[in-house]
Amino acid sequence: MNGPLGYGILPPDNKEQLIRAHLPLVRFLVDRMICQVPSYMTRDDITSAAMMGLVDAANRFDTGKGVLFKTFAERRIRGAILDEARRMDWFSRTLREKQSHLAGTIDRLEKKLGRPPEEEEIAAAMELGIEEYRRLLGEVSHLGCISLQETLDGSEEGRTLIENLRDPNGKNPLEILEDHELTRVMAERLEKLSEKERLVVALYYYEELSQKEIAEVLELSEGRVSQLHSQALAKLRAGLARGKRAGY
């Protein structure tokens, strides 16, 4: 192991300093994710999992990989919270089946229509009334959030879908890394979303507003924002899955 000014795994003193310095990050992420986990998970449950993620990040951080600790820690903290949600057996088979049915319906409609379908078209294809369809979006909204945190290549350190939505350089999402095929595909998918869907995605992932804040900005109910968010993610993932099948 190299010294604290060199590369490699950090010594114990440096790990403790990192943990203390990033406690505000834990509080920030707990506040951000409290609306993304089941209601029976208390703030204490989420905070405890987040702290375990921060400690894990400090133990695993390798200065030689050229990644900021804050970036590395955020992924570990989010992952720890989501792992705790899984451990508490939040994901039911029924919800996953509903999510899969939704994604499959969107995929089939896009092939048929040559564009992302409107919610009325999706509801009709699923033989649901518009209110039933919107309730379904609310039910699977948390699953959509979790799936964004999963890596695209299945590896522990791979890029997640959410990282391809984010803009680390403050640029327009359609201008980010145009030479990167996956990001290009995601940018195209974002452009094809409805105006409200794009606004929800932009305010949530770029401006980091809560669903409550987005609801106030767009003058919608929190439930409607959740539905739009879920529908947008379903469309993005359907497009990504098609791109992967095409060899992107």
Protein backbone atom coordinates (compact mmCIF):
# COMPACT_ATOMS: atom_id res chain seq x y z
CA MET A 1 0.00 0.00 0.00
CA ASN A 2 1.31 3.43 -0.90
CA GLY A 3 1.38 6.43 1.41
CA PRO A 4 -1.49 8.91 1.84
CA LEU A 5 -0.12 11.14 -0.92
CA GLY A 6 0.37 8.28 -3.34
CA TYR A 7 -2.01 5.87 -4.98
CA GLY A 8 -3.81 2.85 -3.57
CA ILE A 9 -6.15 1.99 -0.72
CA LEU A 10 -6.26 4.66 1.97
CA PRO A 11 -4.81 4.14 5.47
CA PRO A 12 -7.24 4.08 8.47
CA ASP A 13 -6.75 7.73 9.45
CA ASN A 14 -7.61 8.93 5.97
CA LYS A 15 -10.68 6.70 5.88
CA GLU A 16 -11.99 8.21 9.11
CA GLN A 17 -11.43 11.72 7.77
CA LEU A 18 -13.31 10.86 4.57
CA ILE A 19 -16.24 9.44 6.52
CA ARG A 20 -16.51 12.51 8.75
CA ALA A 21 -16.14 14.91 5.84
CA HIS A 22 -18.93 13.21 3.89
CA LEU A 23 -21.57 12.91 6.59
CA PRO A 24 -23.47 15.79 4.92
CA LEU A 25 -23.61 13.66 1.76
CA VAL A 26 -25.33 10.93 3.77
CA ARG A 27 -27.95 13.39 5.03
CA PHE A 28 -28.46 14.78 1.53
CA LEU A 29 -28.97 11.34 -0.03
CA VAL A 30 -31.28 10.21 2.75
CA ASP A 31 -33.46 13.26 2.10
CA ARG A 32 -33.36 12.57 -1.64
CA MET A 33 -34.21 8.89 -1.41
CA ILE A 34 -36.78 8.90 1.36
CA CYS A 35 -39.53 9.27 -1.25
CA GLN A 36 -38.04 6.50 -3.37
CA VAL A 37 -38.24 3.69 -0.83
CA PRO A 38 -41.26 1.94 0.70
CA SER A 39 -43.12 3.82 3.40
CA TYR A 40 -42.38 1.19 6.03
CA MET A 41 -38.68 2.00 5.80
CA THR A 42 -38.08 4.63 8.46
CA ARG A 43 -35.58 7.46 8.20
CA ASP A 44 -33.45 5.58 10.74
CA ASP A 45 -33.48 2.49 8.48
CA ILE A 46 -32.38 4.56 5.50
CA THR A 47 -29.74 6.49 7.46
CA SER A 48 -28.29 3.31 8.92
CA ALA A 49 -27.98 1.74 5.47
CA ALA A 50 -26.49 4.97 4.07
CA MET A 51 -23.84 5.06 6.81
CA MET A 52 -22.90 1.47 6.03
CA GLY A 53 -22.54 2.50 2.40
CA LEU A 54 -20.27 5.41 3.32
CA VAL A 55 -18.05 3.20 5.49
CA ASP A 56 -17.92 0.61 2.71
CA ALA A 57 -16.94 3.34 0.24
CA ALA A 58 -14.10 4.52 2.49
CA ASN A 59 -12.84 0.96 2.86
CA ARG A 60 -12.96 0.23 -0.86
CA PHE A 61 -11.85 3.59 -2.28
CA ASP A 62 -8.77 3.35 -4.45
CA THR A 63 -7.04 6.65 -5.20
CA GLY A 64 -5.34 5.12 -8.21
CA LYS A 65 -8.55 4.90 -10.26
CA GLY A 66 -8.85 8.66 -10.72
CA VAL A 67 -12.40 8.90 -9.41
CA LEU A 68 -13.54 11.50 -6.89
CA PHE A 69 -14.42 9.97 -3.53
CA LYS A 70 -17.73 11.85 -3.49
CA THR A 71 -18.73 10.21 -6.79
CA PHE A 72 -17.64 6.77 -5.61
CA ALA A 73 -19.31 7.19 -2.21
CA GLU A 74 -22.62 8.38 -3.66
CA ARG A 75 -22.94 5.19 -5.68
CA ARG A 76 -22.08 3.05 -2.65
CA ILE A 77 -24.51 4.90 -0.40
CA ARG A 78 -27.37 4.69 -2.88
CA GLY A 79 -26.60 1.05 -3.47
CA ALA A 80 -26.59 0.30 0.26
CA ILE A 81 -30.00 1.93 0.70
CA LEU A 82 -31.43 -0.02 -2.24
CA ASP A 83 -29.88 -3.25 -0.96
CA GLU A 84 -31.62 -2.66 2.36
CA ALA A 85 -34.91 -2.19 0.51
CA ARG A 86 -34.32 -5.50 -1.23
CA ARG A 87 -33.39 -7.16 2.06
CA MET A 88 -36.69 -6.02 3.52
CA ASP A 89 -38.35 -7.95 0.67
CA TRP A 90 -39.96 -4.91 -0.90
CA PHE A 91 -39.92 -6.30 -4.43
CA SER A 92 -42.84 -8.60 -5.02
CA ARG A 93 -43.01 -10.86 -8.04
CA THR A 94 -46.32 -9.25 -8.96
CA LEU A 95 -44.75 -5.76 -9.19
CA ARG A 96 -41.89 -7.01 -11.32
CA GLU A 97 -44.34 -8.75 -13.62
CA LYS A 98 -46.30 -5.51 -13.96
CA GLN A 99 -43.13 -3.57 -14.73
CA SER A 100 -42.10 -6.14 -17.32
CA HIS A 101 -45.55 -6.01 -18.93
CA LEU A 102 -45.39 -2.20 -19.07
CA ALA A 103 -41.92 -2.18 -20.66
CA GLY A 104 -42.92 -4.86 -23.17
CA THR A 105 -46.05 -2.96 -24.16
CA ILE A 106 -44.10 0.27 -24.70
CA ASP A 107 -41.52 -1.59 -26.76
CA ARG A 108 -44.16 -3.20 -29.01
CA LEU A 109 -46.02 0.08 -29.50
CA GLU A 110 -42.83 1.94 -30.44
CA LYS A 111 -42.04 -0.66 -33.09
CA LYS A 112 -45.56 -0.37 -34.46
CA LEU A 113 -45.91 3.43 -34.30
CA GLY A 114 -42.32 4.42 -35.01
CA ARG A 115 -42.35 6.78 -31.99
CA PRO A 116 -42.78 6.66 -28.21
CA PRO A 117 -46.47 6.00 -27.45
CA GLU A 118 -48.73 8.39 -25.58
CA GLU A 119 -50.09 7.27 -22.22
CA GLU A 120 -53.59 6.80 -23.65
CA GLU A 121 -52.16 4.44 -26.27
CA ILE A 122 -50.23 2.47 -23.67
CA ALA A 123 -53.29 2.20 -21.44
CA ALA A 124 -55.44 1.00 -24.35
CA ALA A 125 -52.84 -1.58 -25.39
CA MET A 126 -52.78 -2.88 -21.80
CA GLU A 127 -56.60 -2.90 -21.77
CA LEU A 128 -56.67 -0.47 -18.86
CA GLY A 129 -58.58 2.72 -18.25
CA ILE A 130 -56.41 5.82 -17.99
CA GLU A 131 -56.84 5.99 -14.20
CA GLU A 132 -56.02 2.28 -13.83
CA TYR A 133 -52.93 2.82 -15.95
CA ARG A 134 -51.81 5.77 -13.85
CA ARG A 135 -52.26 3.70 -10.68
CA LEU A 136 -50.04 1.06 -12.26
CA LEU A 137 -47.37 3.70 -12.94
CA GLY A 138 -47.50 4.67 -9.28
CA GLU A 139 -47.12 1.06 -8.19
CA VAL A 140 -44.02 0.41 -10.30
CA SER A 141 -42.42 3.85 -9.83
CA HIS A 142 -40.07 2.61 -7.09
CA LEU A 143 -38.97 -0.32 -9.23
CA GLY A 144 -38.09 2.15 -11.97
CA CYS A 145 -35.93 4.10 -9.56
CA ILE A 146 -34.12 0.97 -8.41
CA SER A 147 -33.45 -0.19 -11.94
CA LEU A 148 -31.72 3.09 -12.73
CA GLN A 149 -29.12 2.31 -10.08
CA GLU A 150 -28.22 -1.05 -11.61
CA THR A 151 -25.15 -1.16 -13.82
CA LEU A 152 -25.68 -1.49 -17.55
CA ASP A 153 -23.14 -4.27 -17.99
CA GLY A 154 -23.97 -6.18 -14.81
CA SER A 155 -20.58 -5.51 -13.21
CA GLU A 156 -20.13 -3.94 -9.81
CA GLU A 157 -18.20 -0.93 -11.08
CA GLY A 158 -19.93 -0.42 -14.43
CA ARG A 159 -21.83 2.72 -15.43
CA THR A 160 -25.45 2.90 -14.36
CA LEU A 161 -28.36 4.15 -16.44
CA ILE A 162 -28.74 7.13 -14.12
CA GLU A 163 -25.14 8.17 -14.87
CA ASN A 164 -26.02 8.37 -18.55
CA LEU A 165 -28.89 10.69 -17.68
CA ARG A 166 -26.73 13.00 -15.60
CA ASP A 167 -24.68 15.86 -16.94
CA PRO A 168 -21.45 16.21 -14.94
CA ASN A 169 -20.22 19.14 -17.04
CA GLY A 170 -23.34 21.27 -16.90
CA LYS A 171 -24.00 20.86 -20.64
CA ASN A 172 -27.26 20.26 -22.41
CA PRO A 173 -28.01 16.50 -22.21
CA LEU A 174 -28.14 16.29 -26.00
CA GLU A 175 -24.56 17.59 -26.23
CA ILE A 176 -22.91 15.18 -23.80
CA LEU A 177 -20.31 12.83 -25.19
CA GLU A 178 -21.86 12.49 -28.62
CA ASP A 179 -19.14 10.06 -29.57
CA HIS A 180 -20.30 7.70 -26.84
CA GLU A 181 -22.92 5.47 -28.48
CA LEU A 182 -24.90 4.68 -25.33
CA THR A 183 -25.10 8.31 -24.32
CA ARG A 184 -26.12 9.21 -27.87
CA VAL A 185 -28.95 6.69 -27.70
CA MET A 186 -30.07 8.03 -24.32
CA ALA A 187 -29.99 11.59 -25.64
CA GLU A 188 -32.20 10.56 -28.55
CA ARG A 189 -34.59 8.86 -26.16
CA LEU A 190 -34.79 11.96 -23.97
CA GLU A 191 -35.61 14.08 -27.00
CA LYS A 192 -38.55 11.80 -27.85
CA LEU A 193 -40.19 12.03 -24.43
CA SER A 194 -43.20 14.28 -24.01
CA GLU A 195 -42.55 17.81 -22.78
CA LYS A 196 -43.77 17.04 -19.27
CA GLU A 197 -41.76 13.83 -19.10
CA ARG A 198 -38.60 15.69 -20.15
CA LEU A 199 -39.26 18.39 -17.55
CA VAL A 200 -39.69 15.83 -14.78
CA VAL A 201 -36.48 14.04 -15.78
CA ALA A 202 -34.54 17.31 -16.07
CA LEU A 203 -35.79 18.71 -12.75
CA TYR A 204 -35.24 15.46 -10.89
CA TYR A 205 -31.87 14.30 -12.26
CA TYR A 206 -30.23 17.56 -13.40
CA GLU A 207 -31.66 20.11 -10.95
CA GLU A 208 -31.98 17.52 -8.14
CA LEU A 209 -35.39 18.71 -7.03
CA SER A 210 -37.60 16.47 -4.94
CA GLN A 211 -40.90 15.21 -6.31
CA LYS A 212 -42.68 17.66 -4.03
CA GLU A 213 -40.64 20.56 -5.43
CA ILE A 214 -41.23 19.39 -9.00
CA ALA A 215 -44.95 19.19 -8.30
CA GLU A 216 -44.90 22.81 -7.15
CA VAL A 217 -42.91 23.97 -10.19
CA LEU A 218 -45.16 22.17 -12.68
CA GLU A 219 -48.34 22.81 -10.70
CA LEU A 220 -49.15 19.10 -10.59
CA SER A 221 -49.87 16.70 -7.77
CA GLU A 222 -46.97 14.65 -6.39
CA GLY A 223 -48.81 11.54 -7.55
CA ARG A 224 -48.93 12.83 -11.13
CA VAL A 225 -45.23 13.70 -11.03
CA SER A 226 -44.51 10.15 -9.83
CA GLN A 227 -46.57 8.75 -12.71
CA LEU A 228 -44.79 10.88 -15.31
CA HIS A 229 -41.44 9.94 -13.81
CA SER A 230 -42.27 6.23 -13.95
CA GLN A 231 -43.55 6.45 -17.52
CA ALA A 232 -40.47 8.36 -18.67
CA LEU A 233 -38.15 5.76 -17.15
CA ALA A 234 -40.12 2.93 -18.73
CA LYS A 235 -39.75 4.59 -22.15
CA LEU A 236 -36.04 5.20 -21.63
CA ARG A 237 -35.38 1.63 -20.57
CA ALA A 238 -37.42 0.24 -23.47
CA GLY A 239 -35.28 2.25 -25.88
CA LEU A 240 -32.08 1.19 -24.16
CA ALA A 241 -33.07 -2.47 -24.31
CA ARG A 242 -33.78 -2.15 -28.04
CA GLY A 243 -30.42 -0.44 -28.53
CA LYS A 244 -28.59 -3.21 -26.70
CA ARG A 245 -30.29 -5.82 -28.88
CA ALA A 246 -29.10 -3.87 -31.90
CA GLY A 247 -25.54 -4.05 -30.63
CA TYR A 248 -25.06 -0.56 -29.06
